[in-house]
C-alpha cells in the first residue's frame, strides 16, 4: 500500500485491521457494499477530509440496506507525496469530535 503513510506503524496497522475485519465479515455474510459520496468537507490546513454519503449493502441474494455514513480521512505530506494516515467510519459522536479537531 504505497499510498499509506509509513511515518508511524499504527497507520498501516489500523488500516490493515479495518480491511481484514471487513473482508471476514463480507465472506461470512455474502456481503457486498458500496459507498455513494454525496459531499466532501475538506480541511486543507489540517489535511483531513470528511466524506458524507450513503452506504449501500447487499446481504446474500435478497437483503438490502441503505444507511447514511460518514468517513474520516487524514493525510500527511512525505517526500513530496500526499499519503493516507487514517481512514475510519465515524459515529455521530466521532463526527462532532472530527469537526471540532478540524476547526
N, C-alpha and C. Protein backbone atom coordinates (compact mmCIF):
# COMPACT_ATOMS: atom_id res chain seq x y z
N UNK A 1 0.84 -1.18 0.00
CA UNK A 1 0.00 0.00 0.00
C UNK A 1 0.88 1.24 0.00
N UNK A 2 1.33 1.61 -1.17
CA UNK A 2 2.25 2.75 -1.31
C UNK A 2 1.62 4.07 -0.94
N UNK A 3 0.30 4.15 -0.90
CA UNK A 3 -0.38 5.41 -0.60
C UNK A 3 -0.62 5.62 0.90
N UNK A 4 -0.20 4.66 1.73
CA UNK A 4 -0.40 4.76 3.18
C UNK A 4 0.90 5.21 3.83
N UNK A 5 0.77 6.15 4.74
CA UNK A 5 1.92 6.70 5.44
C UNK A 5 2.65 5.63 6.25
N UNK A 6 3.98 5.67 6.18
CA UNK A 6 4.81 4.74 6.95
C UNK A 6 5.50 5.46 8.11
N UNK A 7 5.16 6.73 8.35
CA UNK A 7 5.84 7.51 9.39
C UNK A 7 5.54 6.99 10.79
N UNK A 8 4.42 6.30 10.95
CA UNK A 8 4.07 5.70 12.23
C UNK A 8 3.43 4.34 11.92
N UNK A 9 3.94 3.28 12.52
CA UNK A 9 3.47 1.92 12.23
C UNK A 9 1.98 1.75 12.51
N UNK A 10 1.41 2.57 13.40
CA UNK A 10 0.00 2.41 13.74
C UNK A 10 -0.91 2.71 12.55
N UNK A 11 -0.49 3.60 11.64
CA UNK A 11 -1.33 3.93 10.49
C UNK A 11 -1.59 2.68 9.64
N UNK A 12 -0.53 1.98 9.29
CA UNK A 12 -0.66 0.78 8.47
C UNK A 12 -1.40 -0.31 9.25
N UNK A 13 -1.09 -0.46 10.53
CA UNK A 13 -1.74 -1.50 11.34
C UNK A 13 -3.24 -1.27 11.40
N UNK A 14 -3.67 -0.04 11.67
CA UNK A 14 -5.10 0.24 11.79
C UNK A 14 -5.84 0.03 10.47
N UNK A 15 -5.23 0.44 9.38
CA UNK A 15 -5.87 0.25 8.07
C UNK A 15 -5.94 -1.24 7.73
N UNK A 16 -4.87 -1.98 7.99
CA UNK A 16 -4.88 -3.43 7.73
C UNK A 16 -5.92 -4.14 8.59
N UNK A 17 -6.04 -3.74 9.86
CA UNK A 17 -7.06 -4.35 10.73
C UNK A 17 -8.46 -4.09 10.22
N UNK A 18 -8.70 -2.86 9.79
CA UNK A 18 -10.02 -2.49 9.27
C UNK A 18 -10.38 -3.37 8.07
N UNK A 19 -9.47 -3.47 7.10
CA UNK A 19 -9.76 -4.23 5.89
C UNK A 19 -9.83 -5.73 6.16
N UNK A 20 -9.03 -6.26 7.08
CA UNK A 20 -9.09 -7.68 7.41
C UNK A 20 -10.43 -8.03 8.05
N UNK A 21 -10.90 -7.18 8.98
CA UNK A 21 -12.20 -7.42 9.63
C UNK A 21 -13.33 -7.31 8.61
N UNK A 22 -13.24 -6.34 7.74
CA UNK A 22 -14.27 -6.17 6.71
C UNK A 22 -14.30 -7.36 5.76
N UNK A 23 -13.15 -7.83 5.36
CA UNK A 23 -13.08 -8.97 4.44
C UNK A 23 -13.74 -10.21 5.06
N UNK A 24 -13.45 -10.47 6.32
CA UNK A 24 -14.04 -11.63 7.00
C UNK A 24 -15.56 -11.50 7.10
N UNK A 25 -16.03 -10.32 7.45
CA UNK A 25 -17.47 -10.09 7.56
C UNK A 25 -18.15 -10.25 6.20
N UNK A 26 -17.52 -9.77 5.17
CA UNK A 26 -18.10 -9.86 3.83
C UNK A 26 -18.22 -11.32 3.39
N UNK A 27 -17.18 -12.13 3.68
CA UNK A 27 -17.22 -13.54 3.31
C UNK A 27 -18.30 -14.29 4.09
N UNK A 28 -18.37 -14.03 5.38
CA UNK A 28 -19.29 -14.76 6.25
C UNK A 28 -20.75 -14.50 5.90
N UNK A 29 -21.08 -13.29 5.54
CA UNK A 29 -22.48 -12.93 5.30
C UNK A 29 -22.81 -12.70 3.82
N UNK A 30 -21.92 -13.11 2.92
CA UNK A 30 -22.12 -12.84 1.48
C UNK A 30 -22.50 -11.37 1.29
N UNK A 31 -21.71 -10.52 1.88
CA UNK A 31 -21.98 -9.09 1.92
C UNK A 31 -21.28 -8.37 0.78
N UNK A 32 -21.99 -7.43 0.20
CA UNK A 32 -21.44 -6.57 -0.83
C UNK A 32 -21.86 -5.14 -0.50
N UNK A 33 -20.91 -4.21 -0.50
CA UNK A 33 -21.25 -2.82 -0.18
C UNK A 33 -20.59 -1.86 -1.15
N UNK A 34 -21.18 -0.70 -1.25
CA UNK A 34 -20.52 0.41 -1.92
C UNK A 34 -20.96 1.71 -1.25
N UNK A 35 -20.08 2.67 -1.29
CA UNK A 35 -20.32 3.95 -0.67
C UNK A 35 -20.55 4.98 -1.76
N UNK A 36 -21.72 5.60 -1.74
CA UNK A 36 -22.06 6.64 -2.71
C UNK A 36 -21.84 8.00 -2.05
N UNK A 37 -20.84 8.72 -2.49
CA UNK A 37 -20.48 10.01 -1.90
C UNK A 37 -21.50 11.07 -2.30
N UNK A 38 -21.96 11.82 -1.30
CA UNK A 38 -22.84 12.97 -1.57
C UNK A 38 -22.05 14.27 -1.49
N UNK A 39 -21.11 14.34 -0.54
CA UNK A 39 -20.30 15.54 -0.42
C UNK A 39 -19.01 15.25 0.34
N UNK A 40 -18.06 16.16 0.17
CA UNK A 40 -16.80 16.13 0.90
C UNK A 40 -16.64 17.43 1.66
N UNK A 41 -16.09 17.34 2.85
CA UNK A 41 -15.69 18.52 3.60
C UNK A 41 -14.18 18.43 3.76
N UNK A 42 -13.47 19.32 3.10
CA UNK A 42 -12.01 19.28 3.04
C UNK A 42 -11.42 20.37 3.90
N UNK A 43 -10.47 19.99 4.74
CA UNK A 43 -9.71 20.96 5.52
C UNK A 43 -8.27 20.87 5.03
N UNK A 44 -7.89 21.79 4.16
CA UNK A 44 -6.55 21.76 3.56
C UNK A 44 -5.46 22.02 4.58
N UNK A 45 -5.76 22.83 5.57
CA UNK A 45 -4.75 23.15 6.59
C UNK A 45 -4.42 21.91 7.43
N UNK A 46 -5.45 21.18 7.83
CA UNK A 46 -5.25 20.01 8.68
C UNK A 46 -5.06 18.72 7.88
N UNK A 47 -5.18 18.80 6.55
CA UNK A 47 -5.07 17.63 5.66
C UNK A 47 -6.05 16.53 6.04
N UNK A 48 -7.31 16.94 6.22
CA UNK A 48 -8.36 15.98 6.55
C UNK A 48 -9.52 16.14 5.57
N UNK A 49 -10.26 15.05 5.42
CA UNK A 49 -11.45 15.04 4.58
C UNK A 49 -12.53 14.26 5.31
N UNK A 50 -13.73 14.82 5.28
CA UNK A 50 -14.90 14.09 5.78
C UNK A 50 -15.75 13.78 4.55
N UNK A 51 -15.95 12.48 4.28
CA UNK A 51 -16.75 12.04 3.14
C UNK A 51 -18.14 11.66 3.66
N UNK A 52 -19.16 12.33 3.15
CA UNK A 52 -20.53 12.14 3.60
C UNK A 52 -21.31 11.48 2.47
N UNK A 53 -22.05 10.43 2.79
CA UNK A 53 -22.80 9.76 1.73
C UNK A 53 -23.70 8.66 2.24
N UNK A 54 -23.94 7.70 1.37
CA UNK A 54 -24.86 6.60 1.62
C UNK A 54 -24.09 5.29 1.47
N UNK A 55 -24.16 4.43 2.50
CA UNK A 55 -23.55 3.11 2.44
C UNK A 55 -24.63 2.12 2.05
N UNK A 56 -24.47 1.52 0.88
CA UNK A 56 -25.45 0.58 0.35
C UNK A 56 -24.90 -0.83 0.50
N UNK A 57 -25.64 -1.69 1.21
CA UNK A 57 -25.18 -3.05 1.48
C UNK A 57 -26.19 -4.06 0.96
N UNK A 58 -25.66 -5.15 0.42
CA UNK A 58 -26.49 -6.26 -0.05
C UNK A 58 -26.03 -7.52 0.69
N UNK A 59 -26.99 -8.23 1.30
CA UNK A 59 -26.72 -9.45 2.05
C UNK A 59 -27.28 -10.63 1.28
N UNK A 60 -26.43 -11.54 0.86
CA UNK A 60 -26.91 -12.69 0.12
C UNK A 60 -27.63 -12.27 -1.15
N UNK A 61 -28.75 -12.91 -1.42
CA UNK A 61 -29.48 -12.62 -2.65
C UNK A 61 -30.59 -11.59 -2.48
N UNK A 62 -31.11 -11.44 -1.27
CA UNK A 62 -32.29 -10.59 -1.10
C UNK A 62 -32.16 -9.44 -0.14
N UNK A 63 -31.26 -9.50 0.78
CA UNK A 63 -31.15 -8.45 1.79
C UNK A 63 -30.53 -7.18 1.23
N UNK A 64 -31.12 -6.05 1.57
CA UNK A 64 -30.61 -4.77 1.10
C UNK A 64 -30.75 -3.75 2.23
N UNK A 65 -29.71 -2.97 2.45
CA UNK A 65 -29.74 -1.94 3.49
C UNK A 65 -29.02 -0.70 2.96
N UNK A 66 -29.64 0.44 3.12
CA UNK A 66 -29.06 1.73 2.74
C UNK A 66 -29.06 2.63 3.97
N UNK A 67 -27.90 3.03 4.40
CA UNK A 67 -27.81 3.88 5.58
C UNK A 67 -26.87 5.06 5.31
N UNK A 68 -27.16 6.21 5.93
CA UNK A 68 -26.22 7.33 5.82
C UNK A 68 -24.91 6.94 6.51
N UNK A 69 -23.80 7.38 5.96
CA UNK A 69 -22.50 7.07 6.56
C UNK A 69 -21.54 8.24 6.33
N UNK A 70 -20.60 8.37 7.26
CA UNK A 70 -19.59 9.41 7.18
C UNK A 70 -18.24 8.77 7.47
N UNK A 71 -17.28 9.05 6.60
CA UNK A 71 -15.92 8.52 6.78
C UNK A 71 -14.97 9.69 6.97
N UNK A 72 -13.99 9.49 7.85
CA UNK A 72 -12.95 10.49 8.07
C UNK A 72 -11.63 9.99 7.50
N UNK A 73 -10.96 10.85 6.78
CA UNK A 73 -9.65 10.53 6.23
C UNK A 73 -8.68 11.61 6.64
N UNK A 74 -7.47 11.21 7.00
CA UNK A 74 -6.44 12.21 7.28
C UNK A 74 -5.18 11.82 6.50
N UNK A 75 -4.42 12.84 6.14
CA UNK A 75 -3.27 12.66 5.27
C UNK A 75 -2.06 13.36 5.85
N UNK A 76 -0.90 13.06 5.26
CA UNK A 76 0.32 13.78 5.60
C UNK A 76 1.20 13.87 4.35
N UNK A 77 2.01 14.93 4.30
CA UNK A 77 2.98 15.09 3.21
C UNK A 77 4.27 14.41 3.63
N UNK A 78 4.79 13.54 2.76
CA UNK A 78 6.09 12.88 3.00
C UNK A 78 6.83 12.83 1.68
N UNK A 79 7.98 13.43 1.63
CA UNK A 79 8.84 13.40 0.44
C UNK A 79 8.07 13.80 -0.82
N UNK A 80 7.26 14.83 -0.70
CA UNK A 80 6.52 15.34 -1.85
C UNK A 80 5.30 14.52 -2.25
N UNK A 81 4.92 13.56 -1.42
CA UNK A 81 3.74 12.73 -1.70
C UNK A 81 2.70 12.93 -0.61
N UNK A 82 1.44 12.97 -1.02
CA UNK A 82 0.34 13.03 -0.06
C UNK A 82 -0.05 11.60 0.29
N UNK A 83 0.14 11.21 1.56
CA UNK A 83 -0.08 9.83 1.99
C UNK A 83 -1.23 9.75 2.99
N UNK A 84 -1.98 8.68 2.91
CA UNK A 84 -3.09 8.43 3.81
C UNK A 84 -2.58 8.00 5.18
N UNK A 85 -3.05 8.68 6.25
CA UNK A 85 -2.71 8.30 7.62
C UNK A 85 -3.84 7.52 8.25
N UNK A 86 -5.08 7.93 7.99
CA UNK A 86 -6.21 7.34 8.70
C UNK A 86 -7.43 7.29 7.79
N UNK A 87 -8.18 6.19 7.90
CA UNK A 87 -9.44 6.01 7.19
C UNK A 87 -10.38 5.33 8.16
N UNK A 88 -11.42 6.05 8.63
CA UNK A 88 -12.31 5.49 9.64
C UNK A 88 -13.76 5.86 9.35
N UNK A 89 -14.66 4.94 9.69
CA UNK A 89 -16.08 5.25 9.65
C UNK A 89 -16.40 5.97 10.95
N UNK A 90 -17.05 7.11 10.85
CA UNK A 90 -17.30 7.94 12.02
C UNK A 90 -18.71 7.72 12.56
N UNK A 91 -18.81 7.54 13.88
CA UNK A 91 -20.11 7.53 14.55
C UNK A 91 -20.56 8.98 14.70
N UNK A 92 -21.79 9.20 15.14
CA UNK A 92 -22.29 10.58 15.34
C UNK A 92 -21.38 11.35 16.29
N UNK A 93 -20.98 10.69 17.40
CA UNK A 93 -20.12 11.35 18.38
C UNK A 93 -18.75 11.67 17.78
N UNK A 94 -18.21 10.73 17.01
CA UNK A 94 -16.91 10.95 16.39
C UNK A 94 -16.97 12.05 15.34
N UNK A 95 -18.11 12.15 14.64
CA UNK A 95 -18.29 13.23 13.66
C UNK A 95 -18.10 14.59 14.33
N UNK A 96 -18.72 14.74 15.50
CA UNK A 96 -18.62 16.01 16.22
C UNK A 96 -17.18 16.28 16.65
N UNK A 97 -16.49 15.24 17.13
CA UNK A 97 -15.10 15.40 17.53
C UNK A 97 -14.23 15.72 16.32
N UNK A 98 -14.49 15.05 15.21
CA UNK A 98 -13.74 15.27 13.98
C UNK A 98 -13.93 16.71 13.51
N UNK A 99 -15.19 17.21 13.59
CA UNK A 99 -15.46 18.59 13.22
C UNK A 99 -14.70 19.54 14.12
N UNK A 100 -14.70 19.24 15.42
CA UNK A 100 -14.02 20.10 16.41
C UNK A 100 -12.53 20.14 16.16
N UNK A 101 -11.92 18.98 15.83
CA UNK A 101 -10.49 18.94 15.57
C UNK A 101 -10.11 19.73 14.33
N UNK A 102 -11.04 19.79 13.36
CA UNK A 102 -10.75 20.49 12.12
C UNK A 102 -10.84 22.01 12.30
N UNK A 103 -11.58 22.47 13.29
CA UNK A 103 -11.76 23.93 13.48
C UNK A 103 -10.75 24.50 14.44
